[in-house]
Amino acid sequence: RLMTLGTLPQGALRGYGQTLLSEPAPMPEDGP
């Protein structure tokens, strides 16, 4: 739908924010 109409269906990402916060934040290597 995103590729054809340009938008995601309403509610397609419901719960994704909580899932994201339940995981450790990605960490870069110390050197860079």
PDB file of all heavy atoms in Angstrom:
ATOM      1  N   ARG A   1       0.838  -1.202   0.000  1.00  0.00           N
ATOM      2  CA  ARG A   1       0.000   0.000   0.000  1.00  0.00           C
ATOM      3  C   ARG A   1       0.874   1.253   0.000  1.00  0.00           C
ATOM      4  O   ARG A   1       0.573   2.235  -0.689  1.00  0.00           O
ATOM      5  CB  ARG A   1      -0.921  -0.006   1.229  1.00  0.00           C
ATOM      6  CG  ARG A   1      -1.791   1.249   1.336  1.00  0.00           C
ATOM      7  CD  ARG A   1      -2.557   1.292   2.649  1.00  0.00           C
ATOM      8  NE  ARG A   1      -3.177   2.577   2.830  1.00  0.00           N
ATOM      9  CZ  ARG A   1      -4.445   2.855   2.523  1.00  0.00           C
ATOM     10  NH1 ARG A   1      -5.214   1.912   2.013  1.00  0.00           N
ATOM     11  NH2 ARG A   1      -4.938   4.064   2.736  1.00  0.00           N
ATOM     12  N   LEU A   2       1.951   1.220   0.780  1.00  0.00           N
ATOM     13  CA  LEU A   2       2.853   2.373   0.823  1.00  0.00           C
ATOM     14  C   LEU A   2       3.438   2.646  -0.555  1.00  0.00           C
ATOM     15  O   LEU A   2       3.543   3.804  -0.983  1.00  0.00           O
ATOM     16  CB  LEU A   2       3.971   2.115   1.833  1.00  0.00           C
ATOM     17  CG  LEU A   2       5.030   3.220   1.956  1.00  0.00           C
ATOM     18  CD1 LEU A   2       4.437   4.451   2.619  1.00  0.00           C
ATOM     19  CD2 LEU A   2       6.229   2.728   2.761  1.00  0.00           C
ATOM     20  N   MET A   3       3.818   1.578  -1.272  1.00  0.00           N
ATOM     21  CA  MET A   3       4.439   1.748  -2.574  1.00  0.00           C
ATOM     22  C   MET A   3       3.439   2.184  -3.642  1.00  0.00           C
ATOM     23  O   MET A   3       3.815   2.856  -4.610  1.00  0.00           O
ATOM     24  CB  MET A   3       5.122   0.447  -2.996  1.00  0.00           C
ATOM     25  CG  MET A   3       6.281   0.039  -2.102  1.00  0.00           C
ATOM     26  SD  MET A   3       7.024  -1.528  -2.588  1.00  0.00           S
ATOM     27  CE  MET A   3       7.812  -1.067  -4.135  1.00  0.00           C
ATOM     28  N   THR A   4       2.168   1.797  -3.483  1.00  0.00           N
ATOM     29  CA  THR A   4       1.177   2.129  -4.505  1.00  0.00           C
ATOM     30  C   THR A   4       0.406   3.402  -4.190  1.00  0.00           C
ATOM     31  O   THR A   4       0.132   4.207  -5.084  1.00  0.00           O
ATOM     32  CB  THR A   4       0.185   0.967  -4.678  1.00  0.00           C
ATOM     33  OG1 THR A   4      -0.395   0.628  -3.400  1.00  0.00           O
ATOM     34  CG2 THR A   4       0.888  -0.259  -5.238  1.00  0.00           C
ATOM     35  N   LEU A   5       0.058   3.609  -2.917  1.00  0.00           N
ATOM     36  CA  LEU A   5      -0.751   4.768  -2.540  1.00  0.00           C
ATOM     37  C   LEU A   5       0.034   5.836  -1.793  1.00  0.00           C
ATOM     38  O   LEU A   5      -0.466   6.947  -1.591  1.00  0.00           O
ATOM     39  CB  LEU A   5      -1.948   4.314  -1.689  1.00  0.00           C
ATOM     40  CG  LEU A   5      -2.897   3.313  -2.363  1.00  0.00           C
ATOM     41  CD1 LEU A   5      -4.030   2.935  -1.421  1.00  0.00           C
ATOM     42  CD2 LEU A   5      -3.451   3.886  -3.666  1.00  0.00           C
ATOM     43  N   GLY A   6       1.246   5.487  -1.335  1.00  0.00           N
ATOM     44  CA  GLY A   6       2.092   6.487  -0.696  1.00  0.00           C
ATOM     45  C   GLY A   6       1.939   6.598   0.806  1.00  0.00           C
ATOM     46  O   GLY A   6       2.648   7.382   1.443  1.00  0.00           O
ATOM     47  N   THR A   7       1.035   5.817   1.385  1.00  0.00           N
ATOM     48  CA  THR A   7       0.839   5.867   2.843  1.00  0.00           C
ATOM     49  C   THR A   7       0.652   4.462   3.398  1.00  0.00           C
ATOM     50  O   THR A   7       0.149   3.568   2.696  1.00  0.00           O
ATOM     51  CB  THR A   7      -0.402   6.703   3.218  1.00  0.00           C
ATOM     52  OG1 THR A   7      -1.565   6.124   2.606  1.00  0.00           O
ATOM     53  CG2 THR A   7      -0.239   8.151   2.763  1.00  0.00           C
ATOM     54  N   LEU A   8       1.033   4.293   4.647  1.00  0.00           N
ATOM     55  CA  LEU A   8       0.776   3.029   5.328  1.00  0.00           C
ATOM     56  C   LEU A   8      -0.667   2.987   5.813  1.00  0.00           C
ATOM     57  O   LEU A   8      -1.257   4.031   6.114  1.00  0.00           O
ATOM     58  CB  LEU A   8       1.715   2.872   6.523  1.00  0.00           C
ATOM     59  CG  LEU A   8       3.187   2.592   6.239  1.00  0.00           C
ATOM     60  CD1 LEU A   8       3.979   2.627   7.540  1.00  0.00           C
ATOM     61  CD2 LEU A   8       3.371   1.243   5.550  1.00  0.00           C
ATOM     62  N   PRO A   9      -1.256   1.795   5.913  1.00  0.00           N
ATOM     63  CA  PRO A   9      -2.603   1.706   6.490  1.00  0.00           C
ATOM     64  C   PRO A   9      -2.602   2.206   7.927  1.00  0.00           C
ATOM     65  O   PRO A   9      -1.605   2.075   8.642  1.00  0.00           O
ATOM     66  CB  PRO A   9      -2.910   0.200   6.431  1.00  0.00           C
ATOM     67  CG  PRO A   9      -1.958  -0.367   5.443  1.00  0.00           C
ATOM     68  CD  PRO A   9      -0.739   0.483   5.495  1.00  0.00           C
ATOM     69  N   GLN A  10      -3.703   2.782   8.340  1.00  0.00           N
ATOM     70  CA  GLN A  10      -3.806   3.265   9.715  1.00  0.00           C
ATOM     71  C   GLN A  10      -3.624   2.095  10.687  1.00  0.00           C
ATOM     72  O   GLN A  10      -4.228   1.047  10.531  1.00  0.00           O
ATOM     73  CB  GLN A  10      -5.165   3.934   9.939  1.00  0.00           C
ATOM     74  CG  GLN A  10      -5.295   4.613  11.290  1.00  0.00           C
ATOM     75  CD  GLN A  10      -6.608   5.379  11.414  1.00  0.00           C
ATOM     76  OE1 GLN A  10      -7.442   5.333  10.516  1.00  0.00           O
ATOM     77  NE2 GLN A  10      -6.787   6.077  12.501  1.00  0.00           N
ATOM     78  N   GLY A  11      -2.778   2.287  11.654  1.00  0.00           N
ATOM     79  CA  GLY A  11      -2.546   1.238  12.651  1.00  0.00           C
ATOM     80  C   GLY A  11      -1.494   0.232  12.257  1.00  0.00           C
ATOM     81  O   GLY A  11      -1.235  -0.713  13.011  1.00  0.00           O
ATOM     82  N   ALA A  12      -0.857   0.401  11.099  1.00  0.00           N
ATOM     83  CA  ALA A  12       0.144  -0.580  10.649  1.00  0.00           C
ATOM     84  C   ALA A  12       1.336  -0.650  11.595  1.00  0.00           C
ATOM     85  O   ALA A  12       1.988  -1.683  11.697  1.00  0.00           O
ATOM     86  CB  ALA A  12       0.612  -0.247   9.237  1.00  0.00           C
ATOM     87  N   LEU A  13       1.629   0.458  12.280  1.00  0.00           N
ATOM     88  CA  LEU A  13       2.785   0.499  13.188  1.00  0.00           C
ATOM     89  C   LEU A  13       2.360   0.521  14.658  1.00  0.00           C
ATOM     90  O   LEU A  13       3.176   0.819  15.522  1.00  0.00           O
ATOM     91  CB  LEU A  13       3.646   1.727  12.868  1.00  0.00           C
ATOM     92  CG  LEU A  13       4.351   1.681  11.512  1.00  0.00           C
ATOM     93  CD1 LEU A  13       5.002   3.023  11.198  1.00  0.00           C
ATOM     94  CD2 LEU A  13       5.403   0.577  11.483  1.00  0.00           C
ATOM     95  N   ARG A  14       1.116   0.177  14.905  1.00  0.00           N
ATOM     96  CA  ARG A  14       0.653   0.155  16.293  1.00  0.00           C
ATOM     97  C   ARG A  14       1.457  -0.874  17.096  1.00  0.00           C
ATOM     98  O   ARG A  14       1.561  -2.036  16.722  1.00  0.00           O
ATOM     99  CB  ARG A  14      -0.832  -0.178  16.350  1.00  0.00           C
ATOM    100  CG  ARG A  14      -1.420  -0.108  17.766  1.00  0.00           C
ATOM    101  CD  ARG A  14      -2.912  -0.376  17.784  1.00  0.00           C
ATOM    102  NE  ARG A  14      -3.639   0.686  17.083  1.00  0.00           N
ATOM    103  CZ  ARG A  14      -4.349   0.499  15.985  1.00  0.00           C
ATOM    104  NH1 ARG A  14      -4.419  -0.701  15.447  1.00  0.00           N
ATOM    105  NH2 ARG A  14      -5.001   1.514  15.419  1.00  0.00           N
ATOM    106  N   GLY A  15       2.033  -0.435  18.189  1.00  0.00           N
ATOM    107  CA  GLY A  15       2.829  -1.312  19.040  1.00  0.00           C
ATOM    108  C   GLY A  15       4.304  -1.322  18.706  1.00  0.00           C
ATOM    109  O   GLY A  15       5.105  -1.848  19.485  1.00  0.00           O
ATOM    110  N   TYR A  16       4.667  -0.746  17.552  1.00  0.00           N
ATOM    111  CA  TYR A  16       6.079  -0.785  17.164  1.00  0.00           C
ATOM    112  C   TYR A  16       6.934   0.088  18.081  1.00  0.00           C
ATOM    113  O   TYR A  16       8.073  -0.275  18.401  1.00  0.00           O
ATOM    114  CB  TYR A  16       6.244  -0.322  15.712  1.00  0.00           C
ATOM    115  CG  TYR A  16       7.684  -0.350  15.242  1.00  0.00           C
ATOM    116  CD1 TYR A  16       8.405  -1.535  15.229  1.00  0.00           C
ATOM    117  CD2 TYR A  16       8.325   0.810  14.823  1.00  0.00           C
ATOM    118  CE1 TYR A  16       9.730  -1.565  14.803  1.00  0.00           C
ATOM    119  CE2 TYR A  16       9.649   0.789  14.392  1.00  0.00           C
ATOM    120  CZ  TYR A  16      10.341  -0.403  14.389  1.00  0.00           C
ATOM    121  OH  TYR A  16      11.656  -0.424  13.978  1.00  0.00           O
ATOM    122  N   GLY A  17       6.389   1.224  18.495  1.00  0.00           N
ATOM    123  CA  GLY A  17       7.146   2.105  19.389  1.00  0.00           C
ATOM    124  C   GLY A  17       7.499   1.410  20.696  1.00  0.00           C
ATOM    125  O   GLY A  17       8.636   1.505  21.171  1.00  0.00           O
ATOM    126  N   GLN A  18       6.527   0.721  21.262  1.00  0.00           N
ATOM    127  CA  GLN A  18       6.788  -0.002  22.514  1.00  0.00           C
ATOM    128  C   GLN A  18       7.797  -1.120  22.292  1.00  0.00           C
ATOM    129  O   GLN A  18       8.682  -1.356  23.133  1.00  0.00           O
ATOM    130  CB  GLN A  18       5.481  -0.570  23.070  1.00  0.00           C
ATOM    131  CG  GLN A  18       5.623  -1.207  24.449  1.00  0.00           C
ATOM    132  CD  GLN A  18       4.274  -1.606  25.030  1.00  0.00           C
ATOM    133  OE1 GLN A  18       3.239  -1.415  24.408  1.00  0.00           O
ATOM    134  NE2 GLN A  18       4.298  -2.155  26.233  1.00  0.00           N
ATOM    135  N   THR A  19       7.690  -1.802  21.154  1.00  0.00           N
ATOM    136  CA  THR A  19       8.655  -2.847  20.815  1.00  0.00           C
ATOM    137  C   THR A  19      10.058  -2.260  20.700  1.00  0.00           C
ATOM    138  O   THR A  19      11.035  -2.838  21.189  1.00  0.00           O
ATOM    139  CB  THR A  19       8.268  -3.518  19.487  1.00  0.00           C
ATOM    140  OG1 THR A  19       6.981  -4.128  19.634  1.00  0.00           O
ATOM    141  CG2 THR A  19       9.287  -4.575  19.088  1.00  0.00           C
ATOM    142  N   LEU A  20      10.144  -1.099  20.069  1.00  0.00           N
ATOM    143  CA  LEU A  20      11.438  -0.444  19.889  1.00  0.00           C
ATOM    144  C   LEU A  20      12.070  -0.081  21.231  1.00  0.00           C
ATOM    145  O   LEU A  20      13.262  -0.298  21.461  1.00  0.00           O
ATOM    146  CB  LEU A  20      11.246   0.811  19.035  1.00  0.00           C
ATOM    147  CG  LEU A  20      12.472   1.396  18.334  1.00  0.00           C
ATOM    148  CD1 LEU A  20      13.012   0.414  17.315  1.00  0.00           C
ATOM    149  CD2 LEU A  20      12.112   2.713  17.657  1.00  0.00           C
ATOM    150  N   LEU A  21      11.255   0.460  22.136  1.00  0.00           N
ATOM    151  CA  LEU A  21      11.785   0.886  23.431  1.00  0.00           C
ATOM    152  C   LEU A  21      12.114  -0.289  24.345  1.00  0.00           C
ATOM    153  O   LEU A  21      12.894  -0.128  25.299  1.00  0.00           O
ATOM    154  CB  LEU A  21      10.780   1.805  24.129  1.00  0.00           C
ATOM    155  CG  LEU A  21      10.482   3.135  23.431  1.00  0.00           C
ATOM    156  CD1 LEU A  21       9.544   3.991  24.289  1.00  0.00           C
ATOM    157  CD2 LEU A  21      11.763   3.901  23.134  1.00  0.00           C
ATOM    158  N   SER A  22      11.545  -1.443  24.044  1.00  0.00           N
ATOM    159  CA  SER A  22      11.833  -2.615  24.884  1.00  0.00           C
ATOM    160  C   SER A  22      13.195  -3.228  24.557  1.00  0.00           C
ATOM    161  O   SER A  22      13.681  -4.082  25.287  1.00  0.00           O
ATOM    162  CB  SER A  22      10.743  -3.676  24.704  1.00  0.00           C
ATOM    163  OG  SER A  22      10.775  -4.218  23.403  1.00  0.00           O
ATOM    164  N   GLU A  23      13.777  -2.782  23.464  1.00  0.00           N
ATOM    165  CA  GLU A  23      15.082  -3.301  23.046  1.00  0.00           C
ATOM    166  C   GLU A  23      16.170  -2.287  23.366  1.00  0.00           C
ATOM    167  O   GLU A  23      15.924  -1.077  23.363  1.00  0.00           O
ATOM    168  CB  GLU A  23      15.078  -3.590  21.541  1.00  0.00           C
ATOM    169  CG  GLU A  23      14.028  -4.603  21.118  1.00  0.00           C
ATOM    170  CD  GLU A  23      13.904  -4.709  19.603  1.00  0.00           C
ATOM    171  OE1 GLU A  23      14.536  -3.867  18.916  1.00  0.00           O
ATOM    172  OE2 GLU A  23      13.193  -5.600  19.130  1.00  0.00           O
ATOM    173  N   PRO A  24      17.385  -2.750  23.655  1.00  0.00           N
ATOM    174  CA  PRO A  24      18.485  -1.811  23.900  1.00  0.00           C
ATOM    175  C   PRO A  24      18.724  -0.926  22.691  1.00  0.00           C
ATOM    176  O   PRO A  24      18.570  -1.364  21.554  1.00  0.00           O
ATOM    177  CB  PRO A  24      19.690  -2.729  24.171  1.00  0.00           C
ATOM    178  CG  PRO A  24      19.100  -4.060  24.507  1.00  0.00           C
ATOM    179  CD  PRO A  24      17.817  -4.158  23.770  1.00  0.00           C
ATOM    180  N   ALA A  25      19.083   0.310  22.941  1.00  0.00           N
ATOM    181  CA  ALA A  25      19.380   1.218  21.843  1.00  0.00           C
ATOM    182  C   ALA A  25      20.624   0.726  21.094  1.00  0.00           C
ATOM    183  O   ALA A  25      21.593   0.295  21.721  1.00  0.00           O
ATOM    184  CB  ALA A  25      19.609   2.627  22.367  1.00  0.00           C
ATOM    185  N   PRO A  26      20.617   0.773  19.763  1.00  0.00           N
ATOM    186  CA  PRO A  26      21.816   0.386  19.005  1.00  0.00           C
ATOM    187  C   PRO A  26      23.010   1.250  19.406  1.00  0.00           C
ATOM    188  O   PRO A  26      22.872   2.461  19.602  1.00  0.00           O
ATOM    189  CB  PRO A  26      21.411   0.639  17.551  1.00  0.00           C
ATOM    190  CG  PRO A  26      19.916   0.615  17.553  1.00  0.00           C
ATOM    191  CD  PRO A  26      19.508   1.174  18.875  1.00  0.00           C
ATOM    192  N   MET A  27      24.172   0.622  19.535  1.00  0.00           N
ATOM    193  CA  MET A  27      25.371   1.339  19.972  1.00  0.00           C
ATOM    194  C   MET A  27      26.442   1.269  18.896  1.00  0.00           C
ATOM    195  O   MET A  27      26.700   0.201  18.346  1.00  0.00           O
ATOM    196  CB  MET A  27      25.910   0.715  21.261  1.00  0.00           C
ATOM    197  CG  MET A  27      24.905   0.694  22.399  1.00  0.00           C
ATOM    198  SD  MET A  27      24.593   2.331  23.066  1.00  0.00           S
ATOM    199  CE  MET A  27      26.169   2.638  23.847  1.00  0.00           C
ATOM    200  N   PRO A  28      27.088   2.391  18.595  1.00  0.00           N
ATOM    201  CA  PRO A  28      28.187   2.350  17.620  1.00  0.00           C
ATOM    202  C   PRO A  28      29.458   1.833  18.269  1.00  0.00           C
ATOM    203  O   PRO A  28      29.566   1.737  19.500  1.00  0.00           O
ATOM    204  CB  PRO A  28      28.322   3.820  17.223  1.00  0.00           C
ATOM    205  CG  PRO A  28      27.943   4.570  18.463  1.00  0.00           C
ATOM    206  CD  PRO A  28      26.855   3.747  19.112  1.00  0.00           C
ATOM    207  N   GLU A  29      30.431   1.485  17.455  1.00  0.00           N
ATOM    208  CA  GLU A  29      31.745   1.105  17.972  1.00  0.00           C
ATOM    209  C   GLU A  29      32.401   2.325  18.626  1.00  0.00           C
ATOM    210  O   GLU A  29      32.179   3.470  18.220  1.00  0.00           O
ATOM    211  CB  GLU A  29      32.631   0.597  16.841  1.00  0.00           C
ATOM    212  CG  GLU A  29      32.135  -0.688  16.184  1.00  0.00           C
ATOM    213  CD  GLU A  29      32.239  -1.873  17.122  1.00  0.00           C
ATOM    214  OE1 GLU A  29      33.137  -1.851  18.002  1.00  0.00           O
ATOM    215  OE2 GLU A  29      31.430  -2.805  16.990  1.00  0.00           O
ATOM    216  N   ASP A  30      33.209   2.074  19.655  1.00  0.00           N
ATOM    217  CA  ASP A  30      33.852   3.182  20.378  1.00  0.00           C
ATOM    218  C   ASP A  30      34.722   4.039  19.454  1.00  0.00           C
ATOM    219  O   ASP A  30      34.707   5.277  19.550  1.00  0.00           O
ATOM    220  CB  ASP A  30      34.709   2.638  21.529  1.00  0.00           C
ATOM    221  CG  ASP A  30      33.857   2.119  22.685  1.00  0.00           C
ATOM    222  OD1 ASP A  30      32.627   2.256  22.621  1.00  0.00           O
ATOM    223  OD2 ASP A  30      34.454   1.569  23.635  1.00  0.00           O
ATOM    224  N   GLY A  31      35.469   3.380  18.581  1.00  0.00           N
ATOM    225  CA  GLY A  31      36.415   4.110  17.735  1.00  0.00           C
ATOM    226  C   GLY A  31      35.758   5.191  16.884  1.00  0.00           C
ATOM    227  O   GLY A  31      36.126   6.374  16.970  1.00  0.00           O
ATOM    228  N   PRO A  32      34.786   4.840  16.046  1.00  0.00           N
ATOM    229  CA  PRO A  32      34.118   5.858  15.231  1.00  0.00           C
ATOM    230  C   PRO A  32      33.430   6.931  16.062  1.00  0.00           C
ATOM    231  O   PRO A  32      33.428   8.107  15.687  1.00  0.00           O
ATOM    232  CB  PRO A  32      33.107   5.054  14.411  1.00  0.00           C
ATOM    233  CG  PRO A  32      33.669   3.674  14.369  1.00  0.00           C
ATOM    234  CD  PRO A  32      34.352   3.480  15.684  1.00  0.00           C
TER     235      PRO A  32
END
